[in-house]
Structures are given as structure tokens and as C-alpha cells.
PDB file of all heavy atoms in Angstrom:
ATOM      1  N   THR A   1       0.807  -1.198  -0.011  1.00  0.00           N
ATOM      2  CA  THR A   1       0.027  -0.006  -0.018  1.00  0.00           C
ATOM      3  C   THR A   1       0.822   1.249   0.000  1.00  0.00           C
ATOM      4  O   THR A   1       0.305   2.341  -0.099  1.00  0.00           O
ATOM      5  CB  THR A   1      -0.925   0.008   1.200  1.00  0.00           C
ATOM      6  OG1 THR A   1      -0.166  -0.078   2.408  1.00  0.00           O
ATOM      7  CG2 THR A   1      -1.934  -1.152   1.145  1.00  0.00           C
ATOM      8  N   ARG A   2       2.146   1.138   0.181  1.00  0.00           N
ATOM      9  CA  ARG A   2       3.017   2.314   0.202  1.00  0.00           C
ATOM     10  C   ARG A   2       4.081   2.172  -0.835  1.00  0.00           C
ATOM     11  O   ARG A   2       4.593   1.081  -1.118  1.00  0.00           O
ATOM     12  CB  ARG A   2       3.606   2.550   1.572  1.00  0.00           C
ATOM     13  CG  ARG A   2       2.584   2.794   2.619  1.00  0.00           C
ATOM     14  CD  ARG A   2       3.181   3.136   3.976  1.00  0.00           C
ATOM     15  NE  ARG A   2       2.141   3.488   4.968  1.00  0.00           N
ATOM     16  CZ  ARG A   2       2.353   3.887   6.199  1.00  0.00           C
ATOM     17  NH1 ARG A   2       3.609   4.047   6.611  1.00  0.00           N
ATOM     18  NH2 ARG A   2       1.379   4.168   6.991  1.00  0.00           N
ATOM     19  N   PHE A   3       4.359   3.289  -1.514  1.00  0.00           N
ATOM     20  CA  PHE A   3       5.341   3.323  -2.594  1.00  0.00           C
ATOM     21  C   PHE A   3       6.233   4.519  -2.432  1.00  0.00           C
ATOM     22  O   PHE A   3       5.907   5.482  -1.822  1.00  0.00           O
ATOM     23  CB  PHE A   3       4.543   3.429  -3.951  1.00  0.00           C
ATOM     24  CG  PHE A   3       3.352   2.603  -4.077  1.00  0.00           C
ATOM     25  CD1 PHE A   3       2.151   3.139  -3.712  1.00  0.00           C
ATOM     26  CD2 PHE A   3       3.389   1.335  -4.455  1.00  0.00           C
ATOM     27  CE1 PHE A   3       1.002   2.379  -3.805  1.00  0.00           C
ATOM     28  CE2 PHE A   3       2.279   0.529  -4.596  1.00  0.00           C
ATOM     29  CZ  PHE A   3       1.025   1.054  -4.212  1.00  0.00           C
ATOM     30  N   ASP A   4       7.387   4.416  -3.020  1.00  0.00           N
ATOM     31  CA  ASP A   4       8.285   5.520  -3.067  1.00  0.00           C
ATOM     32  C   ASP A   4       9.026   5.534  -4.398  1.00  0.00           C
ATOM     33  O   ASP A   4       9.339   4.452  -4.957  1.00  0.00           O
ATOM     34  CB  ASP A   4       9.265   5.482  -1.912  1.00  0.00           C
ATOM     35  CG  ASP A   4       9.826   6.841  -1.541  1.00  0.00           C
ATOM     36  OD1 ASP A   4       9.671   7.838  -2.326  1.00  0.00           O
ATOM     37  OD2 ASP A   4      10.435   6.963  -0.449  1.00  0.00           O
ATOM     38  N   PHE A   5       9.339   6.704  -4.904  1.00  0.00           N
ATOM     39  CA  PHE A   5      10.025   6.849  -6.153  1.00  0.00           C
ATOM     40  C   PHE A   5      11.096   7.945  -5.991  1.00  0.00           C
ATOM     41  O   PHE A   5      10.872   8.927  -5.297  1.00  0.00           O
ATOM     42  CB  PHE A   5       9.055   7.253  -7.280  1.00  0.00           C
ATOM     43  CG  PHE A   5       8.019   6.201  -7.610  1.00  0.00           C
ATOM     44  CD1 PHE A   5       6.798   6.240  -6.991  1.00  0.00           C
ATOM     45  CD2 PHE A   5       8.303   5.192  -8.510  1.00  0.00           C
ATOM     46  CE1 PHE A   5       5.850   5.235  -7.256  1.00  0.00           C
ATOM     47  CE2 PHE A   5       7.368   4.234  -8.799  1.00  0.00           C
ATOM     48  CZ  PHE A   5       6.126   4.253  -8.161  1.00  0.00           C
ATOM     49  N   ALA A   6      12.193   7.788  -6.696  1.00  0.00           N
ATOM     50  CA  ALA A   6      13.201   8.828  -6.820  1.00  0.00           C
ATOM     51  C   ALA A   6      12.671   9.988  -7.553  1.00  0.00           C
ATOM     52  O   ALA A   6      11.798   9.837  -8.428  1.00  0.00           O
ATOM     53  CB  ALA A   6      14.486   8.252  -7.432  1.00  0.00           C
ATOM     54  N   ASP A   7      13.180  11.169  -7.273  1.00  0.00           N
ATOM     55  CA  ASP A   7      12.735  12.352  -7.980  1.00  0.00           C
ATOM     56  C   ASP A   7      12.924  12.226  -9.470  1.00  0.00           C
ATOM     57  O   ASP A   7      12.083  12.726 -10.249  1.00  0.00           O
ATOM     58  CB  ASP A   7      13.463  13.604  -7.438  1.00  0.00           C
ATOM     59  CG  ASP A   7      13.069  13.951  -6.023  1.00  0.00           C
ATOM     60  OD1 ASP A   7      11.957  13.438  -5.580  1.00  0.00           O
ATOM     61  OD2 ASP A   7      13.816  14.708  -5.393  1.00  0.00           O
ATOM     62  N   PHE A   8      13.921  11.617  -9.947  1.00  0.00           N
ATOM     63  CA  PHE A   8      14.235  11.544 -11.350  1.00  0.00           C
ATOM     64  C   PHE A   8      13.200  10.708 -12.125  1.00  0.00           C
ATOM     65  O   PHE A   8      13.153  10.789 -13.335  1.00  0.00           O
ATOM     66  CB  PHE A   8      15.644  11.053 -11.670  1.00  0.00           C
ATOM     67  CG  PHE A   8      15.926   9.661 -11.181  1.00  0.00           C
ATOM     68  CD1 PHE A   8      15.426   8.574 -11.831  1.00  0.00           C
ATOM     69  CD2 PHE A   8      16.753   9.447 -10.038  1.00  0.00           C
ATOM     70  CE1 PHE A   8      15.718   7.263 -11.382  1.00  0.00           C
ATOM     71  CE2 PHE A   8      17.005   8.161  -9.601  1.00  0.00           C
ATOM     72  CZ  PHE A   8      16.528   7.074 -10.268  1.00  0.00           C
ATOM     73  N   VAL A   9      12.391   9.936 -11.390  1.00  0.00           N
ATOM     74  CA  VAL A   9      11.374   9.139 -12.107  1.00  0.00           C
ATOM     75  C   VAL A   9      10.360  10.028 -12.759  1.00  0.00           C
ATOM     76  O   VAL A   9       9.842   9.711 -13.823  1.00  0.00           O
ATOM     77  CB  VAL A   9      10.764   8.136 -11.109  1.00  0.00           C
ATOM     78  CG1 VAL A   9       9.522   7.483 -11.730  1.00  0.00           C
ATOM     79  CG2 VAL A   9      11.790   7.076 -10.689  1.00  0.00           C
ATOM     80  N   GLU A  10       9.965  11.112 -12.054  1.00  0.00           N
ATOM     81  CA  GLU A  10       9.049  12.093 -12.616  1.00  0.00           C
ATOM     82  C   GLU A  10       7.734  11.502 -13.187  1.00  0.00           C
ATOM     83  O   GLU A  10       7.290  11.891 -14.278  1.00  0.00           O
ATOM     84  CB  GLU A  10       9.766  12.875 -13.753  1.00  0.00           C
ATOM     85  CG  GLU A  10      10.995  13.615 -13.255  1.00  0.00           C
ATOM     86  CD  GLU A  10      11.752  14.338 -14.361  1.00  0.00           C
ATOM     87  OE1 GLU A  10      11.847  13.749 -15.474  1.00  0.00           O
ATOM     88  OE2 GLU A  10      12.254  15.426 -14.170  1.00  0.00           O
ATOM     89  N   GLY A  11       7.182  10.534 -12.458  1.00  0.00           N
ATOM     90  CA  GLY A  11       5.930   9.920 -12.854  1.00  0.00           C
ATOM     91  C   GLY A  11       6.005   8.939 -14.045  1.00  0.00           C
ATOM     92  O   GLY A  11       4.932   8.447 -14.491  1.00  0.00           O
ATOM     93  N   ARG A  12       7.160   8.574 -14.443  1.00  0.00           N
ATOM     94  CA  ARG A  12       7.304   7.711 -15.651  1.00  0.00           C
ATOM     95  C   ARG A  12       7.218   6.203 -15.227  1.00  0.00           C
ATOM     96  O   ARG A  12       6.889   5.351 -16.137  1.00  0.00           O
ATOM     97  CB  ARG A  12       8.663   7.940 -16.299  1.00  0.00           C
ATOM     98  CG  ARG A  12       8.764   9.395 -16.860  1.00  0.00           C
ATOM     99  CD  ARG A  12      10.143   9.608 -17.456  1.00  0.00           C
ATOM    100  NE  ARG A  12      11.214   9.470 -16.496  1.00  0.00           N
ATOM    101  CZ  ARG A  12      12.287   8.677 -16.702  1.00  0.00           C
ATOM    102  NH1 ARG A  12      12.439   8.023 -17.762  1.00  0.00           N
ATOM    103  NH2 ARG A  12      13.256   8.635 -15.736  1.00  0.00           N
ATOM    104  N   PHE A  13       7.473   5.825 -13.994  1.00  0.00           N
ATOM    105  CA  PHE A  13       7.525   4.428 -13.574  1.00  0.00           C
ATOM    106  C   PHE A  13       6.389   4.162 -12.607  1.00  0.00           C
ATOM    107  O   PHE A  13       5.947   5.061 -11.831  1.00  0.00           O
ATOM    108  CB  PHE A  13       8.863   4.155 -12.882  1.00  0.00           C
ATOM    109  CG  PHE A  13      10.113   4.382 -13.642  1.00  0.00           C
ATOM    110  CD1 PHE A  13      11.367   4.244 -13.068  1.00  0.00           C
ATOM    111  CD2 PHE A  13      10.085   4.701 -15.016  1.00  0.00           C
ATOM    112  CE1 PHE A  13      12.512   4.416 -13.766  1.00  0.00           C
ATOM    113  CE2 PHE A  13      11.238   4.906 -15.729  1.00  0.00           C
ATOM    114  CZ  PHE A  13      12.484   4.768 -15.079  1.00  0.00           C
ATOM    115  N   THR A  14       5.960   2.924 -12.605  1.00  0.00           N
ATOM    116  CA  THR A  14       5.033   2.416 -11.594  1.00  0.00           C
ATOM    117  C   THR A  14       5.599   1.147 -11.007  1.00  0.00           C
ATOM    118  O   THR A  14       6.378   0.459 -11.704  1.00  0.00           O
ATOM    119  CB  THR A  14       3.644   2.205 -12.138  1.00  0.00           C
ATOM    120  OG1 THR A  14       3.704   1.229 -13.214  1.00  0.00           O
ATOM    121  CG2 THR A  14       2.983   3.481 -12.654  1.00  0.00           C
ATOM    122  N   ILE A  15       5.187   0.827  -9.841  1.00  0.00           N
ATOM    123  CA  ILE A  15       5.610  -0.413  -9.209  1.00  0.00           C
ATOM    124  C   ILE A  15       4.441  -1.192  -8.644  1.00  0.00           C
ATOM    125  O   ILE A  15       3.481  -0.536  -8.186  1.00  0.00           O
ATOM    126  CB  ILE A  15       6.680  -0.089  -8.054  1.00  0.00           C
ATOM    127  CG1 ILE A  15       7.324  -1.365  -7.522  1.00  0.00           C
ATOM    128  CG2 ILE A  15       6.003   0.736  -6.950  1.00  0.00           C
ATOM    129  CD1 ILE A  15       8.517  -1.047  -6.614  1.00  0.00           C
ATOM    130  N   SER A  16       4.465  -2.461  -8.737  1.00  0.00           N
ATOM    131  CA  SER A  16       3.421  -3.319  -8.263  1.00  0.00           C
ATOM    132  C   SER A  16       3.934  -4.655  -7.794  1.00  0.00           C
ATOM    133  O   SER A  16       5.114  -4.981  -8.021  1.00  0.00           O
ATOM    134  CB  SER A  16       2.356  -3.517  -9.350  1.00  0.00           C
ATOM    135  OG  SER A  16       2.944  -4.163 -10.511  1.00  0.00           O
ATOM    136  N   ARG A  17       3.081  -5.424  -7.124  1.00  0.00           N
ATOM    137  CA  ARG A  17       3.531  -6.739  -6.703  1.00  0.00           C
ATOM    138  C   ARG A  17       2.370  -7.760  -6.802  1.00  0.00           C
ATOM    139  O   ARG A  17       1.238  -7.386  -6.654  1.00  0.00           O
ATOM    140  CB  ARG A  17       4.133  -6.693  -5.324  1.00  0.00           C
ATOM    141  CG  ARG A  17       3.193  -6.359  -4.129  1.00  0.00           C
ATOM    142  CD  ARG A  17       3.967  -6.158  -2.877  1.00  0.00           C
ATOM    143  NE  ARG A  17       4.812  -7.258  -2.538  1.00  0.00           N
ATOM    144  CZ  ARG A  17       5.842  -7.175  -1.676  1.00  0.00           C
ATOM    145  NH1 ARG A  17       6.103  -6.016  -1.012  1.00  0.00           N
ATOM    146  NH2 ARG A  17       6.565  -8.273  -1.381  1.00  0.00           N
ATOM    147  N   ASP A  18       2.824  -8.959  -7.029  1.00  0.00           N
ATOM    148  CA  ASP A  18       1.855 -10.122  -7.099  1.00  0.00           C
ATOM    149  C   ASP A  18       2.278 -11.111  -6.054  1.00  0.00           C
ATOM    150  O   ASP A  18       3.304 -11.833  -6.228  1.00  0.00           O
ATOM    151  CB  ASP A  18       1.938 -10.726  -8.559  1.00  0.00           C
ATOM    152  CG  ASP A  18       0.951 -11.838  -8.737  1.00  0.00           C
ATOM    153  OD1 ASP A  18       0.581 -12.474  -7.752  1.00  0.00           O
ATOM    154  OD2 ASP A  18       0.594 -12.076  -9.900  1.00  0.00           O
ATOM    155  N   TYR A  19       1.555 -11.189  -4.954  1.00  0.00           N
ATOM    156  CA  TYR A  19       1.960 -12.018  -3.860  1.00  0.00           C
ATOM    157  C   TYR A  19       1.841 -13.559  -4.237  1.00  0.00           C
ATOM    158  O   TYR A  19       2.737 -14.275  -3.808  1.00  0.00           O
ATOM    159  CB  TYR A  19       1.059 -11.800  -2.659  1.00  0.00           C
ATOM    160  CG  TYR A  19       1.239 -10.397  -2.031  1.00  0.00           C
ATOM    161  CD1 TYR A  19       0.347  -9.405  -2.358  1.00  0.00           C
ATOM    162  CD2 TYR A  19       2.243 -10.144  -1.147  1.00  0.00           C
ATOM    163  CE1 TYR A  19       0.522  -8.100  -1.815  1.00  0.00           C
ATOM    164  CE2 TYR A  19       2.433  -8.922  -0.626  1.00  0.00           C
ATOM    165  CZ  TYR A  19       1.572  -7.885  -0.973  1.00  0.00           C
ATOM    166  OH  TYR A  19       1.762  -6.652  -0.436  1.00  0.00           O
ATOM    167  N   ALA A  20       0.965 -13.892  -5.064  1.00  0.00           N
ATOM    168  CA  ALA A  20       0.823 -15.309  -5.491  1.00  0.00           C
ATOM    169  C   ALA A  20       2.046 -15.752  -6.250  1.00  0.00           C
ATOM    170  O   ALA A  20       2.428 -16.944  -6.122  1.00  0.00           O
ATOM    171  CB  ALA A  20      -0.456 -15.509  -6.285  1.00  0.00           C
ATOM    172  N   LYS A  21       2.687 -14.884  -6.972  1.00  0.00           N
ATOM    173  CA  LYS A  21       3.891 -15.185  -7.745  1.00  0.00           C
ATOM    174  C   LYS A  21       5.185 -14.773  -7.055  1.00  0.00           C
ATOM    175  O   LYS A  21       6.244 -14.937  -7.595  1.00  0.00           O
ATOM    176  CB  LYS A  21       3.818 -14.551  -9.115  1.00  0.00           C
ATOM    177  CG  LYS A  21       2.600 -15.059  -9.920  1.00  0.00           C
ATOM    178  CD  LYS A  21       2.627 -14.406 -11.327  1.00  0.00           C
ATOM    179  CE  LYS A  21       1.448 -14.952 -12.142  1.00  0.00           C
ATOM    180  NZ  LYS A  21       1.415 -14.353 -13.560  1.00  0.00           N
ATOM    181  N   SER A  22       5.058 -14.178  -5.833  1.00  0.00           N
ATOM    182  CA  SER A  22       6.233 -13.689  -5.108  1.00  0.00           C
ATOM    183  C   SER A  22       7.061 -12.728  -6.040  1.00  0.00           C
ATOM    184  O   SER A  22       8.281 -12.777  -6.046  1.00  0.00           O
ATOM    185  CB  SER A  22       7.106 -14.802  -4.639  1.00  0.00           C
ATOM    186  OG  SER A  22       6.410 -15.609  -3.734  1.00  0.00           O
ATOM    187  N   ALA A  23       6.302 -11.869  -6.762  1.00  0.00           N
ATOM    188  CA  ALA A  23       6.982 -11.031  -7.747  1.00  0.00           C
ATOM    189  C   ALA A  23       6.674  -9.564  -7.511  1.00  0.00           C
ATOM    190  O   ALA A  23       5.580  -9.228  -7.033  1.00  0.00           O
ATOM    191  CB  ALA A  23       6.506 -11.432  -9.162  1.00  0.00           C
ATOM    192  N   VAL A  24       7.636  -8.729  -7.870  1.00  0.00           N
ATOM    193  CA  VAL A  24       7.485  -7.262  -7.915  1.00  0.00           C
ATOM    194  C   VAL A  24       7.872  -6.781  -9.278  1.00  0.00           C
ATOM    195  O   VAL A  24       8.868  -7.253  -9.846  1.00  0.00           O
ATOM    196  CB  VAL A  24       8.353  -6.634  -6.836  1.00  0.00           C
ATOM    197  CG1 VAL A  24       8.329  -5.084  -6.959  1.00  0.00           C
ATOM    198  CG2 VAL A  24       7.828  -7.005  -5.405  1.00  0.00           C
ATOM    199  N   TYR A  25       7.056  -5.893  -9.848  1.00  0.00           N
ATOM    200  CA  TYR A  25       7.275  -5.420 -11.152  1.00  0.00           C
ATOM    201  C   TYR A  25       7.530  -3.859 -11.161  1.00  0.00           C
ATOM    202  O   TYR A  25       6.923  -3.170 -10.425  1.00  0.00           O
ATOM    203  CB  TYR A  25       6.008  -5.647 -12.041  1.00  0.00           C
ATOM    204  CG  TYR A  25       5.664  -7.108 -11.993  1.00  0.00           C
ATOM    205  CD1 TYR A  25       4.528  -7.524 -11.255  1.00  0.00           C
ATOM    206  CD2 TYR A  25       6.310  -8.078 -12.743  1.00  0.00           C
ATOM    207  CE1 TYR A  25       4.146  -8.838 -11.258  1.00  0.00           C
ATOM    208  CE2 TYR A  25       5.969  -9.425 -12.733  1.00  0.00           C
ATOM    209  CZ  TYR A  25       4.858  -9.768 -12.017  1.00  0.00           C
ATOM    210  OH  TYR A  25       4.470 -11.117 -11.956  1.00  0.00           O
ATOM    211  N   LEU A  26       8.463  -3.473 -11.985  1.00  0.00           N
ATOM    212  CA  LEU A  26       8.767  -2.047 -12.210  1.00  0.00           C
ATOM    213  C   LEU A  26       8.437  -1.764 -13.664  1.00  0.00           C
ATOM    214  O   LEU A  26       9.226  -2.207 -14.588  1.00  0.00           O
ATOM    215  CB  LEU A  26      10.225  -1.699 -11.862  1.00  0.00           C
ATOM    216  CG  LEU A  26      10.562  -0.249 -11.980  1.00  0.00           C
ATOM    217  CD1 LEU A  26       9.856   0.568 -10.919  1.00  0.00           C
ATOM    218  CD2 LEU A  26      12.073  -0.055 -11.882  1.00  0.00           C
ATOM    219  N   GLN A  27       7.366  -1.046 -13.914  1.00  0.00           N
ATOM    220  CA  GLN A  27       6.974  -0.673 -15.258  1.00  0.00           C
ATOM    221  C   GLN A  27       7.625   0.694 -15.501  1.00  0.00           C
ATOM    222  O   GLN A  27       7.367   1.653 -14.827  1.00  0.00           O
ATOM    223  CB  GLN A  27       5.442  -0.557 -15.339  1.00  0.00           C
ATOM    224  CG  GLN A  27       4.964  -0.054 -16.742  1.00  0.00           C
ATOM    225  CD  GLN A  27       5.214  -1.008 -17.842  1.00  0.00           C
ATOM    226  OE1 GLN A  27       5.012  -2.189 -17.671  1.00  0.00           O
ATOM    227  NE2 GLN A  27       5.697  -0.522 -18.962  1.00  0.00           N
ATOM    228  N   MET A  28       8.435   0.725 -16.544  1.00  0.00           N
ATOM    229  CA  MET A  28       9.209   1.984 -16.876  1.00  0.00           C
ATOM    230  C   MET A  28       8.698   2.453 -18.245  1.00  0.00           C
ATOM    231  O   MET A  28       8.921   1.775 -19.267  1.00  0.00           O
ATOM    232  CB  MET A  28      10.654   1.667 -16.898  1.00  0.00           C
ATOM    233  CG  MET A  28      11.186   1.102 -15.562  1.00  0.00           C
ATOM    234  SD  MET A  28      13.006   0.953 -15.502  1.00  0.00           S
ATOM    235  CE  MET A  28      13.327  -0.190 -16.792  1.00  0.00           C
ATOM    236  N   ASN A  29       8.120   3.587 -18.267  1.00  0.00           N
ATOM    237  CA  ASN A  29       7.645   4.215 -19.502  1.00  0.00           C
ATOM    238  C   ASN A  29       8.505   5.464 -19.837  1.00  0.00           C
ATOM    239  O   ASN A  29       9.217   6.008 -18.959  1.00  0.00           O
ATOM    240  CB  ASN A  29       6.178   4.639 -19.359  1.00  0.00           C
ATOM    241  CG  ASN A  29       5.300   3.442 -19.078  1.00  0.00           C
ATOM    242  OD1 ASN A  29       5.519   2.329 -19.574  1.00  0.00           O
ATOM    243  ND2 ASN A  29       4.313   3.652 -18.269  1.00  0.00           N
ATOM    244  N   SER A  30       8.388   5.936 -21.052  1.00  0.00           N
ATOM    245  CA  SER A  30       9.099   7.149 -21.480  1.00  0.00           C
ATOM    246  C   SER A  30      10.594   7.118 -21.070  1.00  0.00           C
ATOM    247  O   SER A  30      11.111   8.052 -20.492  1.00  0.00           O
ATOM    248  CB  SER A  30       8.418   8.362 -20.880  1.00  0.00           C
ATOM    249  OG  SER A  30       7.069   8.436 -21.250  1.00  0.00           O
ATOM    250  N   LEU A  31      11.202   5.989 -21.382  1.00  0.00           N
ATOM    251  CA  LEU A  31      12.608   5.834 -20.999  1.00  0.00           C
ATOM    252  C   LEU A  31      13.545   6.784 -21.764  1.00  0.00           C
ATOM    253  O   LEU A  31      13.248   7.157 -22.906  1.00  0.00           O
ATOM    254  CB  LEU A  31      13.075   4.339 -21.242  1.00  0.00           C
ATOM    255  CG  LEU A  31      12.559   3.345 -20.248  1.00  0.00           C
ATOM    256  CD1 LEU A  31      12.665   1.917 -20.823  1.00  0.00           C
ATOM    257  CD2 LEU A  31      13.320   3.466 -18.936  1.00  0.00           C
ATOM    258  N   LYS A  32      14.565   7.197 -21.015  1.00  0.00           N
ATOM    259  CA  LYS A  32      15.521   8.197 -21.563  1.00  0.00           C
ATOM    260  C   LYS A  32      16.922   7.545 -21.584  1.00  0.00           C
ATOM    261  O   LYS A  32      17.143   6.618 -20.789  1.00  0.00           O
ATOM    262  CB  LYS A  32      15.541   9.382 -20.652  1.00  0.00           C
ATOM    263  CG  LYS A  32      14.207  10.031 -20.374  1.00  0.00           C
ATOM    264  CD  LYS A  32      14.353  11.205 -19.368  1.00  0.00           C
ATOM    265  CE  LYS A  32      13.030  11.761 -19.001  1.00  0.00           C
ATOM    266  NZ  LYS A  32      13.157  12.889 -18.016  1.00  0.00           N
ATOM    267  N   PRO A  33      17.788   8.037 -22.389  1.00  0.00           N
ATOM    268  CA  PRO A  33      19.139   7.483 -22.371  1.00  0.00           C
ATOM    269  C   PRO A  33      19.838   7.532 -20.972  1.00  0.00           C
ATOM    270  O   PRO A  33      20.605   6.628 -20.659  1.00  0.00           O
ATOM    271  CB  PRO A  33      19.883   8.432 -23.402  1.00  0.00           C
ATOM    272  CG  PRO A  33      18.846   8.865 -24.320  1.00  0.00           C
ATOM    273  CD  PRO A  33      17.616   9.005 -23.475  1.00  0.00           C
ATOM    274  N   GLU A  34      19.452   8.524 -20.156  1.00  0.00           N
ATOM    275  CA  GLU A  34      20.087   8.589 -18.827  1.00  0.00           C
ATOM    276  C   GLU A  34      19.525   7.485 -17.856  1.00  0.00           C
ATOM    277  O   GLU A  34      19.985   7.422 -16.740  1.00  0.00           O
ATOM    278  CB  GLU A  34      19.876   9.977 -18.233  1.00  0.00           C
ATOM    279  CG  GLU A  34      18.418  10.502 -18.295  1.00  0.00           C
ATOM    280  CD  GLU A  34      18.201  11.411 -19.484  1.00  0.00           C
ATOM    281  OE1 GLU A  34      18.689  11.025 -20.627  1.00  0.00           O
ATOM    282  OE2 GLU A  34      17.550  12.485 -19.319  1.00  0.00           O
ATOM    283  N   ASP A  35      18.524   6.756 -18.306  1.00  0.00           N
ATOM    284  CA  ASP A  35      18.046   5.600 -17.492  1.00  0.00           C
ATOM    285  C   ASP A  35      18.890   4.357 -17.740  1.00  0.00           C
ATOM    286  O   ASP A  35      18.667   3.378 -17.066  1.00  0.00           O
ATOM    287  CB  ASP A  35      16.586   5.306 -17.879  1.00  0.00           C
ATOM    288  CG  ASP A  35      15.628   6.435 -17.446  1.00  0.00           C
ATOM    289  OD1 ASP A  35      15.755   6.930 -16.322  1.00  0.00           O
ATOM    290  OD2 ASP A  35      14.735   6.720 -18.253  1.00  0.00           O
ATOM    291  N   THR A  36      19.832   4.436 -18.637  1.00  0.00           N
ATOM    292  CA  THR A  36      20.725   3.319 -18.884  1.00  0.00           C
ATOM    293  C   THR A  36      21.535   2.959 -17.637  1.00  0.00           C
ATOM    294  O   THR A  36      22.204   3.808 -17.040  1.00  0.00           O
ATOM    295  CB  THR A  36      21.655   3.615 -20.041  1.00  0.00           C
ATOM    296  OG1 THR A  36      20.901   3.805 -21.252  1.00  0.00           O
ATOM    297  CG2 THR A  36      22.691   2.520 -20.279  1.00  0.00           C
ATOM    298  N   ALA A  37      21.390   1.678 -17.234  1.00  0.00           N
ATOM    299  CA  ALA A  37      22.045   1.209 -15.981  1.00  0.00           C
ATOM    300  C   ALA A  37      21.744  -0.203 -15.832  1.00  0.00           C
ATOM    301  O   ALA A  37      20.883  -0.798 -16.507  1.00  0.00           O
ATOM    302  CB  ALA A  37      21.523   1.999 -14.759  1.00  0.00           C
ATOM    303  N   VAL A  38      22.430  -0.807 -14.824  1.00  0.00           N
ATOM    304  CA  VAL A  38      22.039  -2.152 -14.315  1.00  0.00           C
ATOM    305  C   VAL A  38      21.035  -1.953 -13.234  1.00  0.00           C
ATOM    306  O   VAL A  38      21.298  -1.165 -12.283  1.00  0.00           O
ATOM    307  CB  VAL A  38      23.254  -2.976 -13.842  1.00  0.00           C
ATOM    308  CG1 VAL A  38      22.789  -4.283 -13.311  1.00  0.00           C
ATOM    309  CG2 VAL A  38      24.263  -3.141 -14.966  1.00  0.00           C
ATOM    310  N   TYR A  39      19.874  -2.615 -13.325  1.00  0.00           N
ATOM    311  CA  TYR A  39      18.860  -2.434 -12.339  1.00  0.00           C
ATOM    312  C   TYR A  39      18.826  -3.685 -11.433  1.00  0.00           C
ATOM    313  O   TYR A  39      18.872  -4.840 -11.911  1.00  0.00           O
ATOM    314  CB  TYR A  39      17.485  -2.299 -13.022  1.00  0.00           C
ATOM    315  CG  TYR A  39      17.302  -0.919 -13.623  1.00  0.00           C
ATOM    316  CD1 TYR A  39      18.033  -0.481 -14.711  1.00  0.00           C
ATOM    317  CD2 TYR A  39      16.405  -0.011 -13.034  1.00  0.00           C
ATOM    318  CE1 TYR A  39      17.870   0.793 -15.223  1.00  0.00           C
ATOM    319  CE2 TYR A  39      16.247   1.276 -13.523  1.00  0.00           C
ATOM    320  CZ  TYR A  39      17.002   1.674 -14.655  1.00  0.00           C
ATOM    321  OH  TYR A  39      16.855   2.917 -15.116  1.00  0.00           O
ATOM    322  N   TYR A  40      18.805  -3.422 -10.130  1.00  0.00           N
ATOM    323  CA  TYR A  40      18.778  -4.434  -9.120  1.00  0.00           C
ATOM    324  C   TYR A  40      17.519  -4.370  -8.262  1.00  0.00           C
ATOM    325  O   TYR A  40      17.062  -3.250  -7.902  1.00  0.00           O
ATOM    326  CB  TYR A  40      19.942  -4.311  -8.170  1.00  0.00           C
ATOM    327  CG  TYR A  40      21.338  -4.329  -8.820  1.00  0.00           C
ATOM    328  CD1 TYR A  40      21.918  -3.164  -9.270  1.00  0.00           C
ATOM    329  CD2 TYR A  40      22.024  -5.505  -8.925  1.00  0.00           C
ATOM    330  CE1 TYR A  40      23.168  -3.171  -9.864  1.00  0.00           C
ATOM    331  CE2 TYR A  40      23.299  -5.565  -9.502  1.00  0.00           C
ATOM    332  CZ  TYR A  40      23.853  -4.433  -9.971  1.00  0.00           C
ATOM    333  OH  TYR A  40      25.069  -4.473 -10.590  1.00  0.00           O
ATOM    334  N   CYS A  41      16.988  -5.503  -7.866  1.00  0.00           N
ATOM    335  CA  CYS A  41      15.951  -5.460  -6.848  1.00  0.00           C
ATOM    336  C   CYS A  41      16.579  -6.056  -5.583  1.00  0.00           C
ATOM    337  O   CYS A  41      17.591  -6.772  -5.571  1.00  0.00           O
ATOM    338  CB  CYS A  41      14.701  -6.296  -7.218  1.00  0.00           C
ATOM    339  SG  CYS A  41      14.969  -8.059  -7.396  1.00  0.00           S
TER     340      CYS A  41
END
């Protein structure tokens, strides 16, 4: 029920989770070249 985002996300990303699948998803829209990185959970 609680979420947090870095300022640079600027509303472009959403986060959700599926307890049945033990999964968390990060939906990233309007990606920019500066988003290039290795992403870790």
C-alpha cells in the first residue's frame, strides 16, 4: 500500500507486486538514455 520513487522518475515508472507469484514489477515508460544502468531488486 506504500510506494516511493526517486525524484528523477518524474511519474514515468510504476511499481506493483503479485503475492501469489512472489513477484514485484517495475513498469518503466518514457525511458531516456540517462536511464541506462544495471537495475537491481
